[in-house]
Amino acid sequence: MSEPIVWLTIFVLSVFVGIEVISKVSSTLHTPLMSGANAIHGVILLGAIIVTAHAHGVALVVGLVAIVLAAVNMVGGFVVTDRMLQMFTRRKPPKSASESGAAA
C-alpha cells in the first residue's frame, strides 16, 4: 500500500474516533475540555512559531498565516471558555437606594 493511502486512512480513522469521543462527552465537561484544548493549542502555537522562524520563501508565508489563524483560534477559545464559566457564577443582587448610602 502506498504511503499517502496509509496517511489518508489514519486521518479518516482519527476523524471517526474523534467524533465518537466528543459526542459521548456530557455537557458539564465541555468547559474543562475546552480549557485543556486551549492550553494544548498554546503549546502547538509555540512550536509553530519556532518552526516558522527557520522557514524560507513560501513556507515562511504559509507559516505566518498559520500562526495568525492559530492565535485567533486560541484567543477565541479562551473568550468562549470565559463566557461559559461566567454562566456558573452567582450574580450579586443589585443594591437598593437605602443600602448604597444615598439618603434623600
PDB file of N, CA and C in Angstrom:
ATOM      1  N   MET A   1       0.860  -1.182   0.000  1.00  0.00           N
ATOM      2  CA  MET A   1       0.000   0.000   0.000  1.00  0.00           C
ATOM      3  C   MET A   1       0.901   1.237   0.000  1.00  0.00           C
ATOM      4  N   SER A   2       0.524   2.249  -0.754  1.00  0.00           N
ATOM      5  CA  SER A   2       1.362   3.440  -0.859  1.00  0.00           C
ATOM      6  C   SER A   2       1.237   4.294   0.409  1.00  0.00           C
ATOM      7  N   GLU A   3       2.249   5.085   0.633  1.00  0.00           N
ATOM      8  CA  GLU A   3       2.303   5.895   1.849  1.00  0.00           C
ATOM      9  C   GLU A   3       1.170   6.919   1.948  1.00  0.00           C
ATOM     10  N   PRO A   4       0.798   7.644   0.883  1.00  0.00           N
ATOM     11  CA  PRO A   4      -0.328   8.585   1.004  1.00  0.00           C
ATOM     12  C   PRO A   4      -1.644   7.906   1.395  1.00  0.00           C
ATOM     13  N   ILE A   5      -1.860   6.693   0.902  1.00  0.00           N
ATOM     14  CA  ILE A   5      -3.088   5.967   1.256  1.00  0.00           C
ATOM     15  C   ILE A   5      -3.075   5.610   2.739  1.00  0.00           C
ATOM     16  N   VAL A   6      -1.913   5.232   3.255  1.00  0.00           N
ATOM     17  CA  VAL A   6      -1.802   4.917   4.688  1.00  0.00           C
ATOM     18  C   VAL A   6      -2.111   6.154   5.524  1.00  0.00           C
ATOM     19  N   TRP A   7      -1.537   7.303   5.150  1.00  0.00           N
ATOM     20  CA  TRP A   7      -1.783   8.541   5.905  1.00  0.00           C
ATOM     21  C   TRP A   7      -3.241   8.970   5.813  1.00  0.00           C
ATOM     22  N   LEU A   8      -3.844   8.813   4.651  1.00  0.00           N
ATOM     23  CA  LEU A   8      -5.259   9.150   4.494  1.00  0.00           C
ATOM     24  C   LEU A   8      -6.131   8.243   5.340  1.00  0.00           C
ATOM     25  N   THR A   9      -5.799   6.958   5.399  1.00  0.00           N
ATOM     26  CA  THR A   9      -6.551   6.012   6.224  1.00  0.00           C
ATOM     27  C   THR A   9      -6.446   6.375   7.700  1.00  0.00           C
ATOM     28  N   ILE A  10      -5.261   6.713   8.146  1.00  0.00           N
ATOM     29  CA  ILE A  10      -5.072   7.117   9.543  1.00  0.00           C
ATOM     30  C   ILE A  10      -5.869   8.377   9.844  1.00  0.00           C
ATOM     31  N   PHE A  11      -5.856   9.331   8.922  1.00  0.00           N
ATOM     32  CA  PHE A  11      -6.600  10.572   9.129  1.00  0.00           C
ATOM     33  C   PHE A  11      -8.096  10.316   9.222  1.00  0.00           C
ATOM     34  N   VAL A  12      -8.631   9.522   8.319  1.00  0.00           N
ATOM     35  CA  VAL A  12     -10.070   9.232   8.319  1.00  0.00           C
ATOM     36  C   VAL A  12     -10.464   8.490   9.591  1.00  0.00           C
ATOM     37  N   LEU A  13      -9.673   7.517   9.993  1.00  0.00           N
ATOM     38  CA  LEU A  13      -9.976   6.790  11.230  1.00  0.00           C
ATOM     39  C   LEU A  13      -9.908   7.704  12.452  1.00  0.00           C
ATOM     40  N   SER A  14      -8.943   8.621  12.477  1.00  0.00           N
ATOM     41  CA  SER A  14      -8.848   9.542  13.616  1.00  0.00           C
ATOM     42  C   SER A  14     -10.034  10.496  13.662  1.00  0.00           C
ATOM     43  N   VAL A  15     -10.560  10.887  12.497  1.00  0.00           N
ATOM     44  CA  VAL A  15     -11.753  11.730  12.472  1.00  0.00           C
ATOM     45  C   VAL A  15     -12.938  10.982  13.075  1.00  0.00           C
ATOM     46  N   PHE A  16     -13.119   9.730  12.679  1.00  0.00           N
ATOM     47  CA  PHE A  16     -14.226   8.944  13.232  1.00  0.00           C
ATOM     48  C   PHE A  16     -14.088   8.742  14.736  1.00  0.00           C
ATOM     49  N   VAL A  17     -12.876   8.441  15.197  1.00  0.00           N
ATOM     50  CA  VAL A  17     -12.653   8.263  16.641  1.00  0.00           C
ATOM     51  C   VAL A  17     -12.911   9.578  17.382  1.00  0.00           C
ATOM     52  N   GLY A  18     -12.452  10.692  16.830  1.00  0.00           N
ATOM     53  CA  GLY A  18     -12.679  11.992  17.458  1.00  0.00           C
ATOM     54  C   GLY A  18     -14.147  12.328  17.571  1.00  0.00           C
ATOM     55  N   ILE A  19     -14.910  12.059  16.527  1.00  0.00           N
ATOM     56  CA  ILE A  19     -16.353  12.330  16.566  1.00  0.00           C
ATOM     57  C   ILE A  19     -17.028  11.469  17.626  1.00  0.00           C
ATOM     58  N   GLU A  20     -16.659  10.212  17.704  1.00  0.00           N
ATOM     59  CA  GLU A  20     -17.253   9.322  18.703  1.00  0.00           C
ATOM     60  C   GLU A  20     -16.916   9.760  20.132  1.00  0.00           C
ATOM     61  N   VAL A  21     -15.672  10.147  20.353  1.00  0.00           N
ATOM     62  CA  VAL A  21     -15.258  10.548  21.704  1.00  0.00           C
ATOM     63  C   VAL A  21     -15.954  11.843  22.113  1.00  0.00           C
ATOM     64  N   ILE A  22     -15.978  12.837  21.247  1.00  0.00           N
ATOM     65  CA  ILE A  22     -16.573  14.129  21.584  1.00  0.00           C
ATOM     66  C   ILE A  22     -18.080  14.010  21.756  1.00  0.00           C
ATOM     67  N   SER A  23     -18.730  13.175  20.964  1.00  0.00           N
ATOM     68  CA  SER A  23     -20.189  13.054  21.086  1.00  0.00           C
ATOM     69  C   SER A  23     -20.610  12.377  22.382  1.00  0.00           C
ATOM     70  N   LYS A  24     -19.720  11.645  23.019  1.00  0.00           N
ATOM     71  CA  LYS A  24     -20.049  10.951  24.270  1.00  0.00           C
ATOM     72  C   LYS A  24     -19.794  11.814  25.512  1.00  0.00           C
ATOM     73  N   VAL A  25     -19.227  12.997  25.349  1.00  0.00           N
ATOM     74  CA  VAL A  25     -18.904  13.856  26.484  1.00  0.00           C
ATOM     75  C   VAL A  25     -20.168  14.589  26.936  1.00  0.00           C
ATOM     76  N   SER A  26     -20.433  14.566  28.242  1.00  0.00           N
ATOM     77  CA  SER A  26     -21.609  15.276  28.751  1.00  0.00           C
ATOM     78  C   SER A  26     -21.373  16.785  28.683  1.00  0.00           C
ATOM     79  N   SER A  27     -22.446  17.531  28.680  1.00  0.00           N
ATOM     80  CA  SER A  27     -22.331  18.982  28.503  1.00  0.00           C
ATOM     81  C   SER A  27     -21.616  19.656  29.673  1.00  0.00           C
ATOM     82  N   THR A  28     -21.627  19.053  30.870  1.00  0.00           N
ATOM     83  CA  THR A  28     -20.949  19.670  32.010  1.00  0.00           C
ATOM     84  C   THR A  28     -19.429  19.578  31.904  1.00  0.00           C
ATOM     85  N   LEU A  29     -18.935  18.721  31.039  1.00  0.00           N
ATOM     86  CA  LEU A  29     -17.485  18.583  30.897  1.00  0.00           C
ATOM     87  C   LEU A  29     -16.910  19.373  29.731  1.00  0.00           C
ATOM     88  N   HIS A  30     -17.745  20.017  28.938  1.00  0.00           N
ATOM     89  CA  HIS A  30     -17.229  20.729  27.772  1.00  0.00           C
ATOM     90  C   HIS A  30     -16.317  21.892  28.154  1.00  0.00           C
ATOM     91  N   THR A  31     -16.630  22.629  29.224  1.00  0.00           N
ATOM     92  CA  THR A  31     -15.795  23.769  29.615  1.00  0.00           C
ATOM     93  C   THR A  31     -14.395  23.332  30.029  1.00  0.00           C
ATOM     94  N   PRO A  32     -14.245  22.321  30.916  1.00  0.00           N
ATOM     95  CA  PRO A  32     -12.880  21.888  31.251  1.00  0.00           C
ATOM     96  C   PRO A  32     -12.130  21.316  30.047  1.00  0.00           C
ATOM     97  N   LEU A  33     -12.824  20.598  29.174  1.00  0.00           N
ATOM     98  CA  LEU A  33     -12.158  20.059  27.994  1.00  0.00           C
ATOM     99  C   LEU A  33     -11.714  21.170  27.064  1.00  0.00           C
ATOM    100  N   MET A  34     -12.536  22.208  26.933  1.00  0.00           N
ATOM    101  CA  MET A  34     -12.170  23.325  26.071  1.00  0.00           C
ATOM    102  C   MET A  34     -10.961  24.058  26.648  1.00  0.00           C
ATOM    103  N   SER A  35     -10.903  24.216  27.960  1.00  0.00           N
ATOM    104  CA  SER A  35      -9.754  24.874  28.579  1.00  0.00           C
ATOM    105  C   SER A  35      -8.479  24.073  28.351  1.00  0.00           C
ATOM    106  N   GLY A  36      -8.587  22.761  28.492  1.00  0.00           N
ATOM    107  CA  GLY A  36      -7.426  21.906  28.241  1.00  0.00           C
ATOM    108  C   GLY A  36      -6.985  21.959  26.790  1.00  0.00           C
ATOM    109  N   ALA A  37      -7.942  21.975  25.878  1.00  0.00           N
ATOM    110  CA  ALA A  37      -7.611  22.058  24.459  1.00  0.00           C
ATOM    111  C   ALA A  37      -6.936  23.389  24.135  1.00  0.00           C
ATOM    112  N   ASN A  38      -7.378  24.461  24.768  1.00  0.00           N
ATOM    113  CA  ASN A  38      -6.742  25.761  24.543  1.00  0.00           C
ATOM    114  C   ASN A  38      -5.311  25.773  25.053  1.00  0.00           C
ATOM    115  N   ALA A  39      -5.068  25.134  26.189  1.00  0.00           N
ATOM    116  CA  ALA A  39      -3.701  25.071  26.722  1.00  0.00           C
ATOM    117  C   ALA A  39      -2.796  24.268  25.792  1.00  0.00           C
ATOM    118  N   ILE A  40      -3.300  23.158  25.284  1.00  0.00           N
ATOM    119  CA  ILE A  40      -2.520  22.353  24.343  1.00  0.00           C
ATOM    120  C   ILE A  40      -2.277  23.144  23.061  1.00  0.00           C
ATOM    121  N   HIS A  41      -3.289  23.888  22.629  1.00  0.00           N
ATOM    122  CA  HIS A  41      -3.142  24.674  21.413  1.00  0.00           C
ATOM    123  C   HIS A  41      -2.081  25.760  21.585  1.00  0.00           C
ATOM    124  N   GLY A  42      -1.919  26.273  22.791  1.00  0.00           N
ATOM    125  CA  GLY A  42      -0.856  27.242  23.059  1.00  0.00           C
ATOM    126  C   GLY A  42       0.515  26.641  22.861  1.00  0.00           C
ATOM    127  N   VAL A  43       0.690  25.396  23.275  1.00  0.00           N
ATOM    128  CA  VAL A  43       1.972  24.715  23.084  1.00  0.00           C
ATOM    129  C   VAL A  43       2.217  24.479  21.594  1.00  0.00           C
ATOM    130  N   ILE A  44       1.168  24.088  20.876  1.00  0.00           N
ATOM    131  CA  ILE A  44       1.291  23.870  19.436  1.00  0.00           C
ATOM    132  C   ILE A  44       1.632  25.180  18.727  1.00  0.00           C
ATOM    133  N   LEU A  45       1.018  26.261  19.166  1.00  0.00           N
ATOM    134  CA  LEU A  45       1.306  27.565  18.570  1.00  0.00           C
ATOM    135  C   LEU A  45       2.765  27.954  18.784  1.00  0.00           C
ATOM    136  N   LEU A  46       3.287  27.689  19.966  1.00  0.00           N
ATOM    137  CA  LEU A  46       4.698  27.974  20.238  1.00  0.00           C
ATOM    138  C   LEU A  46       5.604  27.158  19.315  1.00  0.00           C
ATOM    139  N   GLY A  47       5.275  25.899  19.113  1.00  0.00           N
ATOM    140  CA  GLY A  47       6.045  25.064  18.189  1.00  0.00           C
ATOM    141  C   GLY A  47       5.987  25.589  16.770  1.00  0.00           C
ATOM    142  N   ALA A  48       4.800  26.069  16.354  1.00  0.00           N
ATOM    143  CA  ALA A  48       4.662  26.624  15.005  1.00  0.00           C
ATOM    144  C   ALA A  48       5.516  27.881  14.842  1.00  0.00           C
ATOM    145  N   ILE A  49       5.610  28.668  15.882  1.00  0.00           N
ATOM    146  CA  ILE A  49       6.445  29.876  15.823  1.00  0.00           C
ATOM    147  C   ILE A  49       7.914  29.487  15.668  1.00  0.00           C
ATOM    148  N   ILE A  50       8.330  28.483  16.404  1.00  0.00           N
ATOM    149  CA  ILE A  50       9.734  28.044  16.322  1.00  0.00           C
ATOM    150  C   ILE A  50      10.042  27.481  14.941  1.00  0.00           C
ATOM    151  N   VAL A  51       9.130  26.670  14.404  1.00  0.00           N
ATOM    152  CA  VAL A  51       9.357  26.089  13.075  1.00  0.00           C
ATOM    153  C   VAL A  51       9.353  27.172  12.001  1.00  0.00           C
ATOM    154  N   THR A  52       8.432  28.121  12.092  1.00  0.00           N
ATOM    155  CA  THR A  52       8.357  29.183  11.089  1.00  0.00           C
ATOM    156  C   THR A  52       9.581  30.089  11.144  1.00  0.00           C
ATOM    157  N   ALA A  53      10.215  30.196  12.290  1.00  0.00           N
ATOM    158  CA  ALA A  53      11.413  31.029  12.403  1.00  0.00           C
ATOM    159  C   ALA A  53      12.544  30.514  11.512  1.00  0.00           C
ATOM    160  N   HIS A  54      12.532  29.235  11.191  1.00  0.00           N
ATOM    161  CA  HIS A  54      13.582  28.645  10.362  1.00  0.00           C
ATOM    162  C   HIS A  54      13.140  28.424   8.919  1.00  0.00           C
ATOM    163  N   ALA A  55      11.958  28.921   8.549  1.00  0.00           N
ATOM    164  CA  ALA A  55      11.430  28.706   7.198  1.00  0.00           C
ATOM    165  C   ALA A  55      11.888  29.820   6.258  1.00  0.00           C
ATOM    166  N   HIS A  56      11.823  29.527   4.965  1.00  0.00           N
ATOM    167  CA  HIS A  56      12.210  30.497   3.937  1.00  0.00           C
ATOM    168  C   HIS A  56      11.197  30.450   2.798  1.00  0.00           C
ATOM    169  N   GLY A  57      11.005  31.562   2.121  1.00  0.00           N
ATOM    170  CA  GLY A  57      10.170  31.604   0.924  1.00  0.00           C
ATOM    171  C   GLY A  57       8.688  31.423   1.212  1.00  0.00           C
ATOM    172  N   VAL A  58       8.065  30.569   0.423  1.00  0.00           N
ATOM    173  CA  VAL A  58       6.625  30.331   0.535  1.00  0.00           C
ATOM    174  C   VAL A  58       6.279  29.692   1.881  1.00  0.00           C
ATOM    175  N   ALA A  59       7.149  28.830   2.394  1.00  0.00           N
ATOM    176  CA  ALA A  59       6.907  28.183   3.679  1.00  0.00           C
ATOM    177  C   ALA A  59       6.807  29.216   4.798  1.00  0.00           C
ATOM    178  N   LEU A  60       7.566  30.289   4.689  1.00  0.00           N
ATOM    179  CA  LEU A  60       7.510  31.355   5.689  1.00  0.00           C
ATOM    180  C   LEU A  60       6.148  32.045   5.667  1.00  0.00           C
ATOM    181  N   VAL A  61       5.655  32.331   4.468  1.00  0.00           N
ATOM    182  CA  VAL A  61       4.349  32.995   4.343  1.00  0.00           C
ATOM    183  C   VAL A  61       3.240  32.088   4.870  1.00  0.00           C
ATOM    184  N   VAL A  62       3.271  30.821   4.476  1.00  0.00           N
ATOM    185  CA  VAL A  62       2.258  29.872   4.950  1.00  0.00           C
ATOM    186  C   VAL A  62       2.346  29.727   6.467  1.00  0.00           C
ATOM    187  N   GLY A  63       3.553  29.676   7.003  1.00  0.00           N
ATOM    188  CA  GLY A  63       3.731  29.571   8.450  1.00  0.00           C
ATOM    189  C   GLY A  63       3.179  30.775   9.191  1.00  0.00           C
ATOM    190  N   LEU A  64       3.414  31.966   8.655  1.00  0.00           N
ATOM    191  CA  LEU A  64       2.900  33.178   9.299  1.00  0.00           C
ATOM    192  C   LEU A  64       1.370  33.223   9.280  1.00  0.00           C
ATOM    193  N   VAL A  65       0.786  32.828   8.157  1.00  0.00           N
ATOM    194  CA  VAL A  65      -0.683  32.779   8.082  1.00  0.00           C
ATOM    195  C   VAL A  65      -1.219  31.755   9.079  1.00  0.00           C
ATOM    196  N   ALA A  66      -0.556  30.612   9.171  1.00  0.00           N
ATOM    197  CA  ALA A  66      -0.985  29.575  10.117  1.00  0.00           C
ATOM    198  C   ALA A  66      -0.869  30.065  11.553  1.00  0.00           C
ATOM    199  N   ILE A  67       0.178  30.807  11.862  1.00  0.00           N
ATOM    200  CA  ILE A  67       0.354  31.330  13.214  1.00  0.00           C
ATOM    201  C   ILE A  67      -0.746  32.329  13.554  1.00  0.00           C
ATOM    202  N   VAL A  68      -1.073  33.208  12.622  1.00  0.00           N
ATOM    203  CA  VAL A  68      -2.130  34.196  12.875  1.00  0.00           C
ATOM    204  C   VAL A  68      -3.470  33.499  13.093  1.00  0.00           C
ATOM    205  N   LEU A  69      -3.800  32.549  12.229  1.00  0.00           N
ATOM    206  CA  LEU A  69      -5.076  31.838  12.382  1.00  0.00           C
ATOM    207  C   LEU A  69      -5.117  31.022  13.677  1.00  0.00           C
ATOM    208  N   ALA A  70      -4.011  30.392  14.037  1.00  0.00           N
ATOM    209  CA  ALA A  70      -3.968  29.607  15.264  1.00  0.00           C
ATOM    210  C   ALA A  70      -4.093  30.511  16.491  1.00  0.00           C
ATOM    211  N   ALA A  71      -3.474  31.682  16.439  1.00  0.00           N
ATOM    212  CA  ALA A  71      -3.575  32.614  17.566  1.00  0.00           C
ATOM    213  C   ALA A  71      -5.002  33.121  17.727  1.00  0.00           C
ATOM    214  N   VAL A  72      -5.659  33.436  16.606  1.00  0.00           N
ATOM    215  CA  VAL A  72      -7.064  33.875  16.674  1.00  0.00           C
ATOM    216  C   VAL A  72      -7.935  32.763  17.241  1.00  0.00           C
ATOM    217  N   ASN A  73      -7.684  31.541  16.811  1.00  0.00           N
ATOM    218  CA  ASN A  73      -8.451  30.395  17.308  1.00  0.00           C
ATOM    219  C   ASN A  73      -8.242  30.195  18.808  1.00  0.00           C
ATOM    220  N   MET A  74      -7.003  30.319  19.258  1.00  0.00           N
ATOM    221  CA  MET A  74      -6.717  30.110  20.675  1.00  0.00           C
ATOM    222  C   MET A  74      -7.341  31.207  21.538  1.00  0.00           C
ATOM    223  N   VAL A  75      -7.202  32.450  21.130  1.00  0.00           N
ATOM    224  CA  VAL A  75      -7.787  33.556  21.893  1.00  0.00           C
ATOM    225  C   VAL A  75      -9.310  33.439  21.912  1.00  0.00           C
ATOM    226  N   GLY A  76      -9.894  33.103  20.770  1.00  0.00           N
ATOM    227  CA  GLY A  76     -11.341  32.914  20.716  1.00  0.00           C
ATOM    228  C   GLY A  76     -11.798  31.788  21.623  1.00  0.00           C
ATOM    229  N   GLY A  77     -11.020  30.733  21.698  1.00  0.00           N
ATOM    230  CA  GLY A  77     -11.360  29.627  22.598  1.00  0.00           C
ATOM    231  C   GLY A  77     -11.347  30.049  24.054  1.00  0.00           C
ATOM    232  N   PHE A  78     -10.360  30.866  24.439  1.00  0.00           N
ATOM    233  CA  PHE A  78     -10.322  31.349  25.813  1.00  0.00           C
ATOM    234  C   PHE A  78     -11.482  32.300  26.105  1.00  0.00           C
ATOM    235  N   VAL A  79     -11.874  33.100  25.124  1.00  0.00           N
ATOM    236  CA  VAL A  79     -13.013  34.004  25.313  1.00  0.00           C
ATOM    237  C   VAL A  79     -14.296  33.204  25.512  1.00  0.00           C
ATOM    238  N   VAL A  80     -14.488  32.184  24.690  1.00  0.00           N
ATOM    239  CA  VAL A  80     -15.683  31.343  24.820  1.00  0.00           C
ATOM    240  C   VAL A  80     -15.673  30.614  26.160  1.00  0.00           C
ATOM    241  N   THR A  81     -14.508  30.104  26.567  1.00  0.00           N
ATOM    242  CA  THR A  81     -14.409  29.419  27.853  1.00  0.00           C
ATOM    243  C   THR A  81     -14.750  30.375  28.997  1.00  0.00           C
ATOM    244  N   ASP A  82     -14.259  31.605  28.928  1.00  0.00           N
ATOM    245  CA  ASP A  82     -14.551  32.588  29.969  1.00  0.00           C
ATOM    246  C   ASP A  82     -16.051  32.880  30.028  1.00  0.00           C
ATOM    247  N   ARG A  83     -16.683  33.012  28.886  1.00  0.00           N
ATOM    248  CA  ARG A  83     -18.129  33.275  28.870  1.00  0.00           C
ATOM    249  C   ARG A  83     -18.908  32.096  29.438  1.00  0.00           C
ATOM    250  N   MET A  84     -18.431  30.883  29.146  1.00  0.00           N
ATOM    251  CA  MET A  84     -19.107  29.698  29.684  1.00  0.00           C
ATOM    252  C   MET A  84     -18.953  29.637  31.200  1.00  0.00           C
ATOM    253  N   LEU A  85     -17.763  29.985  31.693  1.00  0.00           N
ATOM    254  CA  LEU A  85     -17.548  29.960  33.139  1.00  0.00           C
ATOM    255  C   LEU A  85     -18.368  31.036  33.844  1.00  0.00           C
ATOM    256  N   GLN A  86     -18.622  32.164  33.182  1.00  0.00           N
ATOM    257  CA  GLN A  86     -19.445  33.216  33.782  1.00  0.00           C
ATOM    258  C   GLN A  86     -20.883  32.759  33.982  1.00  0.00           C
ATOM    259  N   MET A  87     -21.322  31.778  33.227  1.00  0.00           N
ATOM    260  CA  MET A  87     -22.685  31.263  33.394  1.00  0.00           C
ATOM    261  C   MET A  87     -22.844  30.552  34.736  1.00  0.00           C
ATOM    262  N   PHE A  88     -21.732  30.064  35.314  1.00  0.00           N
ATOM    263  CA  PHE A  88     -21.801  29.314  36.552  1.00  0.00           C
ATOM    264  C   PHE A  88     -21.540  30.154  37.799  1.00  0.00           C
ATOM    265  N   THR A  89     -21.258  31.448  37.656  1.00  0.00           N
ATOM    266  CA  THR A  89     -21.030  32.297  38.819  1.00  0.00           C
ATOM    267  C   THR A  89     -22.341  32.913  39.278  1.00  0.00           C
ATOM    268  N   ARG A  90     -22.425  33.141  40.572  1.00  0.00           N
ATOM    269  CA  ARG A  90     -23.629  33.768  41.124  1.00  0.00           C
ATOM    270  C   ARG A  90     -23.528  35.268  40.959  1.00  0.00           C
ATOM    271  N   ARG A  91     -24.620  35.841  40.557  1.00  0.00           N
ATOM    272  CA  ARG A  91     -24.656  37.299  40.413  1.00  0.00           C
ATOM    273  C   ARG A  91     -25.057  37.915  41.733  1.00  0.00           C
ATOM    274  N   LYS A  92     -24.412  39.035  42.056  1.00  0.00           N
ATOM    275  CA  LYS A  92     -24.766  39.745  43.278  1.00  0.00           C
ATOM    276  C   LYS A  92     -26.071  40.500  43.052  1.00  0.00           C
ATOM    277  N   PRO A  93     -26.965  40.475  44.032  1.00  0.00           N
ATOM    278  CA  PRO A  93     -28.218  41.221  43.853  1.00  0.00           C
ATOM    279  C   PRO A  93     -27.925  42.723  43.825  1.00  0.00           C
ATOM    280  N   PRO A  94     -28.675  43.489  43.043  1.00  0.00           N
ATOM    281  CA  PRO A  94     -28.432  44.936  42.979  1.00  0.00           C
ATOM    282  C   PRO A  94     -28.737  45.592  44.318  1.00  0.00           C
ATOM    283  N   LYS A  95     -27.919  46.586  44.652  1.00  0.00           N
ATOM    284  CA  LYS A  95     -28.110  47.294  45.917  1.00  0.00           C
ATOM    285  C   LYS A  95     -29.293  48.245  45.794  1.00  0.00           C
ATOM    286  N   SER A  96     -30.059  48.304  46.869  1.00  0.00           N
ATOM    287  CA  SER A  96     -31.180  49.249  46.859  1.00  0.00           C
ATOM    288  C   SER A  96     -30.666  50.643  47.230  1.00  0.00           C
ATOM    289  N   ALA A  97     -31.504  51.635  47.093  1.00  0.00           N
ATOM    290  CA  ALA A  97     -31.093  53.017  47.350  1.00  0.00           C
ATOM    291  C   ALA A  97     -30.732  53.216  48.819  1.00  0.00           C
ATOM    292  N   SER A  98     -31.407  52.522  49.746  1.00  0.00           N
ATOM    293  CA  SER A  98     -31.102  52.682  51.164  1.00  0.00           C
ATOM    294  C   SER A  98     -29.777  52.055  51.541  1.00  0.00           C
ATOM    295  N   GLU A  99     -29.375  50.981  50.848  1.00  0.00           N
ATOM    296  CA  GLU A  99     -28.101  50.311  51.158  1.00  0.00           C
ATOM    297  C   GLU A  99     -26.913  51.055  50.574  1.00  0.00           C
ATOM    298  N   SER A 100     -27.104  51.785  49.503  1.00  0.00           N
ATOM    299  CA  SER A 100     -25.983  52.440  48.844  1.00  0.00           C
ATOM    300  C   SER A 100     -25.544  53.713  49.565  1.00  0.00           C
ATOM    301  N   GLY A 101     -26.286  54.147  50.551  1.00  0.00           N
ATOM    302  CA  GLY A 101     -25.907  55.318  51.324  1.00  0.00           C
ATOM    303  C   GLY A 101     -26.396  56.637  50.731  1.00  0.00           C
ATOM    304  N   ALA A 102     -27.278  56.582  49.792  1.00  0.00           N
ATOM    305  CA  ALA A 102     -27.806  57.796  49.175  1.00  0.00           C
ATOM    306  C   ALA A 102     -29.066  58.206  49.917  1.00  0.00           C
ATOM    307  N   ALA A 103     -28.883  58.951  51.005  1.00  0.00           N
ATOM    308  CA  ALA A 103     -30.045  59.418  51.776  1.00  0.00           C
ATOM    309  C   ALA A 103     -30.597  60.684  51.162  1.00  0.00           C
ATOM    310  N   ALA A 104     -31.896  60.769  51.119  1.00  0.00           N
ATOM    311  CA  ALA A 104     -32.529  61.940  50.500  1.00  0.00           C
ATOM    312  C   ALA A 104     -32.753  63.038  51.471  1.00  0.00           C
TER     313      ALA A 104
END
